[in-house]
Amino acid sequence: MVVVLLTLLTLWFTPVLSKVFVAKWDGPITPITADFIDRVISKAEREGGTLFVLELNTPGGLADSMRKIVQRFHRTPLPVVVFVYPSGGRAASAGAIITVAADIAAMAPGTNIGAAHPVQLTPGGRGDRKEDKDKGRDVMEEKVLQDMLAFVRSIAKEKGRNVEVVERMVRESLALSAEEALESRVIDLIATDINDLLKKIDGRKIRKFGAERTVKTEGLTVTYVEENLKEQILKILTNPTVAYLLLMIGFYGIFFELYNPGAIVPGVVGAISLILGLYGLSLISMNWLGLLLIILGIFLFVLELITPTFGALTVGGVISLALGSLFLIDPESPYGDIPKSVIVTVALASSAFFLIAGRFGLRAQRRKKITGAEGMVGEEGEAITTFKKGRGKVLVHGEIWNAESDQRIRKGDRIKVVGVKGLILKVERT
């Protein structure tokens, strides 16, 4: 009994082993990034974490998502470390500001940081003349720039970083190697990996909520938090190429279902693909002009299939589809753009399919009908009764028909169908 009580007391007073929570992000800074980082920090706060580390490799991203991440860094009581990793990675544009906003900023050898000049993805200005539009756009860009400069100045001052260099990263798109960033006091240290990072930050002092704190990493266990299934799917959908291909699969799947009612599979696959593609493109902030041109191109292809014009509509469809694909994603988008090779492949494959399908459609229209009453013309059969007053019965294709003829036809004569009048065949003797 005494042994059991001692064991329980020992377990009761044994301190819970603290953890370092590590999140990895490799890709553009998007709303998905902000949600992922918020989820991991919240998990660390709930489960007794004492340090949050973000391993970052990004070409940049959306300013709104970047600000949400910085605000989350400021709200958490946990020390926040941003580690630009692995070697060959970068923290560009919005990623540079996220790194500067950390309590401790670190980079791996061979990485770079900077080029944080804000980019407007939508044209500014509403003047009627070109000069007015250019002036309005310049004013808007200057406002965005000044707002971003004020934002990074406040962050750099709070974290004790080189304000002048950080401003140049925004104003002049200055980019620095890891060694240059350390020398310029943009970051705090260089580390080769997570273990080296934890050793070097042990004992460092930071300021959090106006008070000085000492970071302790000795003996801490490292817990990596991976992206969940929802975040992985959304990350895939925000790839412009994936979203674009899903959009095209959706259009063609629905078209095949309408063209061949009852196939079901093309319609189901098409509907799902179309919804996923449109959702992914909406997150990317697609250009609606591009989407409308793509729809117009597909409409022209369908017209070519219904009313073959020997390629005229197909040429228009190719031009509309290609232009729409080029306009669909802004070339300055942090998500990247759709490779030209993919656009060319889709346009050529679509035109080839509809040209071939249109040619078969034209042949089908010109082909002699072989079904229904009209398909009986030219067929031969046998009279099974002697015609009286020009009327009698004939056997054609194993079917008995009422028939009429201007000739005298006896039972057993071979006959040929020369016309159809309602349900009566007009025949003549062969």
Protein backbone atom coordinates (compact mmCIF):
# COMPACT_ATOMS: atom_id res chain seq x y z
CA MET A 1 0.00 0.00 0.00
CA VAL A 2 2.81 2.40 0.92
CA VAL A 3 4.61 1.60 -2.33
CA VAL A 4 1.46 2.37 -4.33
CA LEU A 5 0.99 5.72 -2.55
CA LEU A 6 4.63 6.68 -3.14
CA THR A 7 4.29 5.78 -6.82
CA LEU A 8 1.14 7.91 -7.19
CA LEU A 9 2.78 10.85 -5.41
CA THR A 10 5.82 10.56 -7.64
CA LEU A 11 3.68 10.61 -10.77
CA TRP A 12 1.62 13.50 -9.43
CA PHE A 13 4.58 15.76 -8.76
CA THR A 14 6.61 14.77 -11.84
CA PRO A 15 6.63 17.79 -14.15
CA VAL A 16 5.08 17.39 -17.61
CA LEU A 17 7.78 17.30 -20.27
CA SER A 18 7.64 20.55 -22.25
CA LYS A 19 7.59 20.57 -26.02
CA VAL A 20 8.84 22.57 -28.96
CA PHE A 21 6.09 22.68 -31.58
CA VAL A 22 7.43 22.90 -35.13
CA ALA A 23 5.38 23.73 -38.22
CA LYS A 24 6.73 23.51 -41.78
CA TRP A 25 5.45 25.67 -44.60
CA ASP A 26 6.75 25.34 -48.14
CA GLY A 27 4.80 27.45 -50.63
CA PRO A 28 3.05 30.81 -51.09
CA ILE A 29 1.64 32.73 -48.14
CA THR A 30 -2.12 32.33 -48.46
CA PRO A 31 -5.19 32.20 -46.19
CA ILE A 32 -4.43 28.48 -45.85
CA THR A 33 -1.01 29.36 -44.42
CA ALA A 34 -2.54 31.73 -41.87
CA ASP A 35 -5.09 29.09 -40.77
CA PHE A 36 -2.40 26.39 -40.54
CA ILE A 37 -0.07 28.52 -38.38
CA ASP A 38 -2.97 29.62 -36.17
CA ARG A 39 -3.97 25.97 -35.66
CA VAL A 40 -0.46 24.87 -34.71
CA ILE A 41 0.08 27.78 -32.28
CA SER A 42 -3.31 27.11 -30.66
CA LYS A 43 -2.39 23.42 -30.31
CA ALA A 44 0.95 24.37 -28.72
CA GLU A 45 -0.81 26.70 -26.24
CA ARG A 46 -3.32 23.99 -25.27
CA GLU A 47 -0.79 21.17 -24.91
CA GLY A 48 1.85 22.88 -22.80
CA GLY A 49 4.25 23.97 -25.48
CA THR A 50 6.98 26.38 -24.49
CA LEU A 51 8.27 27.35 -27.93
CA PHE A 52 6.86 27.63 -31.47
CA VAL A 53 9.15 27.24 -34.49
CA LEU A 54 8.08 27.91 -38.07
CA GLU A 55 10.31 26.37 -40.75
CA LEU A 56 9.63 28.64 -43.71
CA ASN A 57 10.39 28.42 -47.41
CA THR A 58 8.21 30.75 -49.47
CA PRO A 59 8.30 32.99 -52.57
CA GLY A 60 5.93 35.39 -50.81
CA GLY A 61 2.20 35.80 -50.94
CA LEU A 62 -0.80 37.83 -49.92
CA ALA A 63 -0.38 40.86 -47.66
CA ASP A 64 -3.62 40.15 -45.78
CA SER A 65 -2.52 36.62 -44.90
CA MET A 66 0.93 37.89 -43.88
CA ARG A 67 -0.63 40.44 -41.50
CA LYS A 68 -2.83 37.77 -39.91
CA ILE A 69 0.25 35.63 -39.24
CA VAL A 70 2.17 38.55 -37.72
CA GLN A 71 -0.82 39.40 -35.53
CA ARG A 72 -0.96 35.77 -34.35
CA PHE A 73 2.72 35.93 -33.45
CA HIS A 74 2.01 39.00 -31.31
CA ARG A 75 -0.97 37.42 -29.53
CA THR A 76 0.65 34.19 -28.41
CA PRO A 77 2.54 34.08 -25.09
CA LEU A 78 4.92 31.51 -26.62
CA PRO A 79 8.29 32.64 -27.97
CA VAL A 80 8.09 32.50 -31.77
CA VAL A 81 11.03 31.44 -33.92
CA VAL A 82 10.98 31.68 -37.72
CA PHE A 83 13.66 29.53 -39.35
CA VAL A 84 14.21 30.01 -43.10
CA TYR A 85 15.00 26.42 -44.07
CA PRO A 86 16.24 24.28 -45.83
CA SER A 87 19.41 25.36 -47.60
CA GLY A 88 18.40 26.78 -50.97
CA GLY A 89 15.11 28.03 -49.55
CA ARG A 90 14.00 31.63 -49.19
CA ALA A 91 11.76 34.02 -47.31
CA ALA A 92 10.83 36.46 -50.05
CA SER A 93 8.23 39.22 -50.11
CA ALA A 94 5.60 38.50 -47.43
CA GLY A 95 7.84 35.73 -46.07
CA ALA A 96 10.58 38.27 -45.30
CA ILE A 97 8.20 40.36 -43.16
CA ILE A 98 6.98 37.25 -41.33
CA THR A 99 10.59 36.36 -40.54
CA VAL A 100 11.38 39.87 -39.28
CA ALA A 101 8.27 39.76 -37.05
CA ALA A 102 9.45 36.67 -35.13
CA ASP A 103 10.87 36.93 -31.62
CA ILE A 104 13.91 35.09 -32.95
CA ALA A 105 14.71 35.11 -36.69
CA ALA A 106 17.08 32.48 -38.05
CA MET A 107 18.22 31.29 -41.47
CA ALA A 108 19.99 28.24 -42.80
CA PRO A 109 23.18 28.66 -44.85
CA GLY A 110 22.43 29.10 -48.54
CA THR A 111 19.04 30.76 -48.01
CA ASN A 112 18.00 34.33 -48.81
CA ILE A 113 15.53 36.92 -47.55
CA GLY A 114 14.00 40.13 -48.90
CA ALA A 115 12.45 41.51 -52.10
CA ALA A 116 9.38 42.56 -50.14
CA HIS A 117 8.12 45.38 -52.36
CA PRO A 118 4.29 45.20 -52.39
CA VAL A 119 2.65 44.26 -55.71
CA GLN A 120 -0.86 45.27 -56.71
CA LEU A 121 -2.69 42.40 -58.43
CA THR A 122 -5.57 44.62 -59.57
CA PRO A 123 -5.29 47.82 -61.61
CA GLY A 124 -5.97 51.05 -59.73
CA GLY A 125 -7.51 54.31 -60.83
CA ARG A 126 -10.86 55.03 -62.49
CA GLY A 127 -10.00 57.97 -64.75
CA ASP A 128 -11.49 58.02 -68.22
CA ARG A 129 -8.23 58.99 -69.87
CA LYS A 130 -5.04 56.93 -69.87
CA GLU A 131 -3.20 59.72 -68.03
CA ASP A 132 -5.85 59.71 -65.32
CA LYS A 133 -5.65 55.94 -64.99
CA ASP A 134 -1.85 55.99 -64.74
CA LYS A 135 -1.97 58.78 -62.16
CA GLY A 136 -4.61 56.95 -60.12
CA ARG A 137 -2.59 53.74 -60.25
CA ASP A 138 0.58 55.54 -59.13
CA VAL A 139 -1.27 57.14 -56.22
CA MET A 140 -2.70 53.79 -55.12
CA GLU A 141 0.67 52.04 -55.36
CA GLU A 142 2.29 54.81 -53.31
CA LYS A 143 -0.38 54.47 -50.63
CA VAL A 144 0.16 50.71 -50.45
CA LEU A 145 3.93 51.20 -50.29
CA GLN A 146 3.78 53.78 -47.49
CA ASP A 147 1.37 51.62 -45.51
CA MET A 148 3.72 48.64 -45.80
CA LEU A 149 6.75 50.75 -44.86
CA ALA A 150 5.03 51.97 -41.70
CA PHE A 151 4.08 48.39 -40.87
CA VAL A 152 7.60 46.96 -41.22
CA ARG A 153 9.15 49.94 -39.41
CA SER A 154 7.03 49.27 -36.34
CA ILE A 155 7.87 45.55 -36.43
CA ALA A 156 11.61 46.13 -36.91
CA LYS A 157 11.75 48.62 -34.02
CA GLU A 158 9.83 46.32 -31.71
CA LYS A 159 12.08 43.33 -32.47
CA GLY A 160 15.31 45.35 -32.41
CA ARG A 161 16.18 44.82 -36.06
CA ASN A 162 17.87 47.15 -38.53
CA VAL A 163 15.02 49.45 -39.56
CA GLU A 164 16.88 50.99 -42.49
CA VAL A 165 17.71 47.65 -44.12
CA VAL A 166 14.22 46.28 -43.53
CA GLU A 167 12.77 49.40 -45.18
CA ARG A 168 15.07 48.90 -48.18
CA MET A 169 13.77 45.33 -48.51
CA VAL A 170 10.31 46.84 -49.04
CA ARG A 171 11.14 50.07 -50.89
CA GLU A 172 13.97 48.80 -53.12
CA SER A 173 13.23 45.04 -53.17
CA LEU A 174 16.58 44.45 -51.47
CA ALA A 175 17.44 40.75 -51.08
CA LEU A 176 20.10 39.40 -48.70
CA SER A 177 21.90 36.13 -48.20
CA ALA A 178 21.86 34.54 -44.75
CA GLU A 179 25.31 35.96 -43.94
CA GLU A 180 24.36 39.44 -45.18
CA ALA A 181 21.11 39.37 -43.21
CA LEU A 182 22.99 38.41 -40.03
CA GLU A 183 25.61 41.10 -40.58
CA SER A 184 22.88 43.71 -41.22
CA ARG A 185 21.00 42.71 -38.03
CA VAL A 186 17.92 41.61 -39.96
CA ILE A 187 18.09 38.14 -38.36
CA ASP A 188 19.53 36.87 -35.08
CA LEU A 189 21.51 33.78 -36.09
CA ILE A 190 22.38 31.16 -38.71
CA ALA A 191 21.74 27.47 -37.98
CA THR A 192 22.24 24.35 -40.06
CA ASP A 193 19.15 22.44 -38.87
CA ILE A 194 16.53 22.33 -36.12
CA ASN A 195 18.87 20.74 -33.57
CA ASP A 196 21.55 23.36 -34.19
CA LEU A 197 18.87 26.05 -33.96
CA LEU A 198 17.60 24.85 -30.57
CA LYS A 199 21.16 24.74 -29.19
CA LYS A 200 21.94 28.27 -30.33
CA ILE A 201 18.77 29.89 -29.00
CA ASP A 202 19.01 28.24 -25.57
CA GLY A 203 19.41 30.99 -23.02
CA ARG A 204 18.57 33.86 -25.39
CA LYS A 205 16.53 36.71 -23.98
CA ILE A 206 13.48 38.09 -25.77
CA ARG A 207 10.81 40.66 -24.92
CA LYS A 208 7.23 39.45 -24.86
CA PHE A 209 4.28 41.58 -23.69
CA GLY A 210 6.70 44.21 -22.39
CA ALA A 211 8.64 41.79 -20.17
CA GLU A 212 12.00 40.12 -20.71
CA ARG A 213 11.99 36.33 -20.97
CA THR A 214 14.72 33.71 -21.31
CA VAL A 215 14.25 30.97 -23.90
CA LYS A 216 14.99 27.49 -22.54
CA THR A 217 15.39 24.63 -25.02
CA GLU A 218 17.55 22.12 -23.15
CA GLY A 219 15.73 18.85 -22.65
CA LEU A 220 12.68 19.86 -24.68
CA THR A 221 11.07 17.34 -27.01
CA VAL A 222 10.41 18.40 -30.59
CA THR A 223 6.89 17.83 -31.97
CA TYR A 224 6.27 18.36 -35.68
CA VAL A 225 2.70 19.25 -36.62
CA GLU A 226 1.85 18.30 -40.18
CA GLU A 227 -0.79 19.82 -42.43
CA ASN A 228 -4.14 18.08 -42.03
CA LEU A 229 -6.06 16.56 -44.95
CA LYS A 230 -8.18 19.66 -45.50
CA GLU A 231 -5.12 21.92 -45.64
CA GLN A 232 -3.32 19.53 -48.00
CA ILE A 233 -6.30 19.45 -50.38
CA LEU A 234 -6.72 23.24 -50.30
CA LYS A 235 -2.98 23.65 -50.91
CA ILE A 236 -3.26 21.45 -54.00
CA LEU A 237 -6.35 23.29 -55.24
CA THR A 238 -4.59 26.65 -55.04
CA ASN A 239 -1.97 25.44 -57.50
CA PRO A 240 -2.97 27.40 -60.65
CA THR A 241 -2.19 24.50 -62.98
CA VAL A 242 -4.25 22.02 -60.93
CA ALA A 243 -7.19 24.45 -60.63
CA TYR A 244 -7.06 25.18 -64.37
CA LEU A 245 -7.00 21.51 -65.38
CA LEU A 246 -9.87 20.74 -62.98
CA LEU A 247 -11.84 23.57 -64.58
CA MET A 248 -11.29 22.18 -68.09
CA ILE A 249 -12.08 18.60 -67.00
CA GLY A 250 -15.27 19.92 -65.43
CA PHE A 251 -16.40 21.69 -68.60
CA TYR A 252 -15.70 18.72 -70.84
CA GLY A 253 -17.17 16.17 -68.42
CA ILE A 254 -20.47 18.07 -68.29
CA PHE A 255 -20.42 18.50 -72.08
CA PHE A 256 -19.99 14.75 -72.64
CA GLU A 257 -22.84 14.04 -70.23
CA LEU A 258 -25.16 16.43 -72.09
CA TYR A 259 -24.06 15.04 -75.46
CA ASN A 260 -24.54 11.42 -74.29
CA PRO A 261 -27.33 11.51 -71.66
CA GLY A 262 -27.21 8.62 -69.22
CA ALA A 263 -23.44 8.13 -69.25
CA ILE A 264 -23.45 9.43 -65.63
CA VAL A 265 -19.70 9.02 -64.93
CA PRO A 266 -18.55 11.95 -67.13
CA GLY A 267 -21.26 14.16 -65.62
CA VAL A 268 -20.40 13.29 -62.01
CA VAL A 269 -16.64 13.66 -62.56
CA GLY A 270 -17.21 16.87 -64.51
CA ALA A 271 -19.44 18.46 -61.87
CA ILE A 272 -17.04 17.65 -59.02
CA SER A 273 -14.02 18.86 -61.02
CA LEU A 274 -15.78 22.07 -62.03
CA ILE A 275 -16.71 22.93 -58.44
CA LEU A 276 -13.20 22.17 -57.12
CA GLY A 277 -11.58 24.10 -59.97
CA LEU A 278 -13.76 27.18 -59.47
CA TYR A 279 -13.16 27.07 -55.71
CA GLY A 280 -9.40 26.85 -56.16
CA LEU A 281 -9.44 29.71 -58.69
CA SER A 282 -11.57 31.84 -56.36
CA LEU A 283 -8.92 31.45 -53.64
CA ILE A 284 -6.26 32.45 -56.17
CA SER A 285 -8.32 35.51 -57.18
CA MET A 286 -8.85 34.63 -60.82
CA ASN A 287 -9.52 37.15 -63.55
CA TRP A 288 -13.20 36.88 -64.56
CA LEU A 289 -12.42 38.06 -68.09
CA GLY A 290 -10.19 35.01 -68.50
CA LEU A 291 -12.93 32.67 -67.26
CA LEU A 292 -15.52 34.19 -69.63
CA LEU A 293 -13.13 33.82 -72.60
CA ILE A 294 -12.58 30.15 -71.71
CA ILE A 295 -16.35 29.56 -71.56
CA LEU A 296 -16.74 31.33 -74.92
CA GLY A 297 -14.01 29.15 -76.43
CA ILE A 298 -15.72 25.95 -75.28
CA PHE A 299 -19.07 27.26 -76.59
CA LEU A 300 -17.49 27.83 -80.01
CA PHE A 301 -16.08 24.28 -79.94
CA VAL A 302 -19.55 22.90 -79.20
CA LEU A 303 -21.03 24.93 -82.07
CA GLU A 304 -18.38 23.43 -84.36
CA LEU A 305 -19.54 19.98 -83.29
CA ILE A 306 -23.23 20.76 -83.86
CA THR A 307 -22.91 22.79 -87.07
CA PRO A 308 -19.58 21.86 -88.69
CA THR A 309 -18.00 24.89 -90.39
CA PHE A 310 -14.82 23.15 -91.61
CA GLY A 311 -12.75 24.67 -88.74
CA ALA A 312 -13.85 28.32 -88.65
CA LEU A 313 -15.50 28.06 -85.23
CA THR A 314 -12.68 25.87 -83.96
CA VAL A 315 -10.09 28.54 -84.80
CA GLY A 316 -12.16 31.09 -82.87
CA GLY A 317 -12.47 28.64 -79.98
CA VAL A 318 -8.71 28.08 -79.86
CA ILE A 319 -8.00 31.82 -79.80
CA SER A 320 -10.63 32.48 -77.11
CA LEU A 321 -9.49 29.52 -74.98
CA ALA A 322 -5.80 30.47 -75.22
CA LEU A 323 -6.43 34.14 -74.39
CA GLY A 324 -8.70 33.21 -71.49
CA SER A 325 -6.10 30.81 -70.10
CA LEU A 326 -3.40 33.50 -70.31
CA PHE A 327 -5.61 36.08 -68.58
CA LEU A 328 -6.99 33.69 -65.95
CA ILE A 329 -4.17 34.18 -63.42
CA ASP A 330 -2.26 37.42 -62.89
CA PRO A 331 1.43 36.88 -63.78
CA GLU A 332 2.43 38.63 -60.52
CA SER A 333 0.30 36.26 -58.42
CA PRO A 334 2.20 34.71 -55.48
CA TYR A 335 0.61 31.40 -56.44
CA GLY A 336 2.52 31.39 -59.73
CA ASP A 337 0.93 31.23 -63.16
CA ILE A 338 -0.21 28.52 -65.57
CA PRO A 339 2.71 27.19 -67.65
CA LYS A 340 2.45 28.14 -71.32
CA SER A 341 3.09 24.51 -72.26
CA VAL A 342 -0.06 23.44 -70.38
CA ILE A 343 -2.15 26.15 -72.08
CA VAL A 344 -0.87 25.19 -75.55
CA THR A 345 -1.49 21.48 -74.89
CA VAL A 346 -5.05 22.04 -73.69
CA ALA A 347 -5.89 24.38 -76.60
CA LEU A 348 -4.45 22.05 -79.26
CA ALA A 349 -6.03 18.93 -77.75
CA SER A 350 -9.41 20.67 -77.57
CA SER A 351 -9.23 21.91 -81.16
CA ALA A 352 -8.10 18.50 -82.46
CA PHE A 353 -10.92 16.72 -80.65
CA PHE A 354 -13.67 19.05 -81.85
CA LEU A 355 -12.34 19.16 -85.42
CA ILE A 356 -12.34 15.36 -85.59
CA ALA A 357 -15.72 15.10 -83.84
CA GLY A 358 -17.13 17.80 -86.13
CA ARG A 359 -15.94 15.93 -89.23
CA PHE A 360 -17.59 12.72 -88.06
CA GLY A 361 -20.75 14.73 -87.33
CA LEU A 362 -20.77 16.12 -90.87
CA ARG A 363 -20.32 12.64 -92.33
CA ALA A 364 -23.17 11.37 -90.17
CA GLN A 365 -25.43 14.12 -91.47
CA ARG A 366 -24.63 13.23 -95.09
CA ARG A 367 -24.87 9.48 -94.61
CA LYS A 368 -27.95 7.71 -95.87
CA LYS A 369 -30.35 6.99 -93.05
CA ILE A 370 -30.53 3.34 -92.10
CA THR A 371 -33.11 3.44 -89.33
CA GLY A 372 -36.80 4.28 -89.25
CA ALA A 373 -39.17 4.43 -92.18
CA GLU A 374 -36.80 6.52 -94.32
CA GLY A 375 -34.17 3.83 -93.93
CA MET A 376 -36.43 1.47 -95.91
CA VAL A 377 -35.92 3.32 -99.20
CA GLY A 378 -33.79 1.21 -101.57
CA GLU A 379 -34.36 -2.02 -99.63
CA GLU A 380 -35.67 -5.12 -101.40
CA GLY A 381 -38.28 -7.60 -100.30
CA GLU A 382 -41.03 -9.97 -101.49
CA ALA A 383 -44.72 -9.50 -102.17
CA ILE A 384 -46.74 -11.83 -99.94
CA THR A 385 -50.06 -11.03 -101.59
CA THR A 386 -51.17 -10.20 -105.10
CA PHE A 387 -51.78 -6.46 -105.36
CA LYS A 388 -55.41 -5.49 -105.94
CA LYS A 389 -56.20 -1.95 -107.06
CA GLY A 390 -52.49 -1.13 -106.61
CA ARG A 391 -52.35 -2.22 -102.97
CA GLY A 392 -51.02 -5.26 -101.18
CA LYS A 393 -48.62 -6.54 -98.54
CA VAL A 394 -44.85 -7.03 -98.73
CA LEU A 395 -42.18 -8.56 -96.54
CA VAL A 396 -39.11 -6.32 -96.03
CA HIS A 397 -36.41 -6.98 -93.39
CA GLY A 398 -38.61 -9.65 -91.86
CA GLU A 399 -41.44 -7.15 -91.34
CA ILE A 400 -44.83 -7.12 -93.08
CA TRP A 401 -45.76 -3.73 -94.54
CA ASN A 402 -48.73 -2.34 -96.39
CA ALA A 403 -47.58 -1.27 -99.84
CA GLU A 404 -48.82 0.33 -103.00
CA SER A 405 -47.51 0.31 -106.55
CA ASP A 406 -48.37 1.57 -110.02
CA GLN A 407 -47.21 -1.74 -111.45
CA ARG A 408 -48.94 -5.09 -111.47
CA ILE A 409 -47.39 -7.19 -108.70
CA ARG A 410 -48.19 -10.82 -107.97
CA LYS A 411 -47.57 -12.87 -104.85
CA GLY A 412 -43.92 -14.01 -104.70
CA ASP A 413 -42.57 -11.18 -106.92
CA ARG A 414 -39.39 -9.48 -105.78
CA ILE A 415 -39.94 -5.81 -105.00
CA LYS A 416 -37.88 -2.72 -104.21
CA VAL A 417 -38.93 0.13 -101.88
CA VAL A 418 -38.83 3.46 -103.75
CA GLY A 419 -40.67 5.67 -101.25
CA VAL A 420 -42.44 5.91 -97.92
CA LYS A 421 -45.82 7.53 -97.31
CA GLY A 422 -46.66 7.38 -93.62
CA LEU A 423 -46.81 3.66 -92.82
CA ILE A 424 -47.29 2.62 -96.46
CA LEU A 425 -44.35 1.69 -98.66
CA LYS A 426 -44.30 2.60 -102.33
CA VAL A 427 -42.71 -0.26 -104.21
CA GLU A 428 -41.96 -1.42 -107.72
CA ARG A 429 -41.20 -4.84 -109.18
CA THR A 430 -37.55 -5.79 -109.64
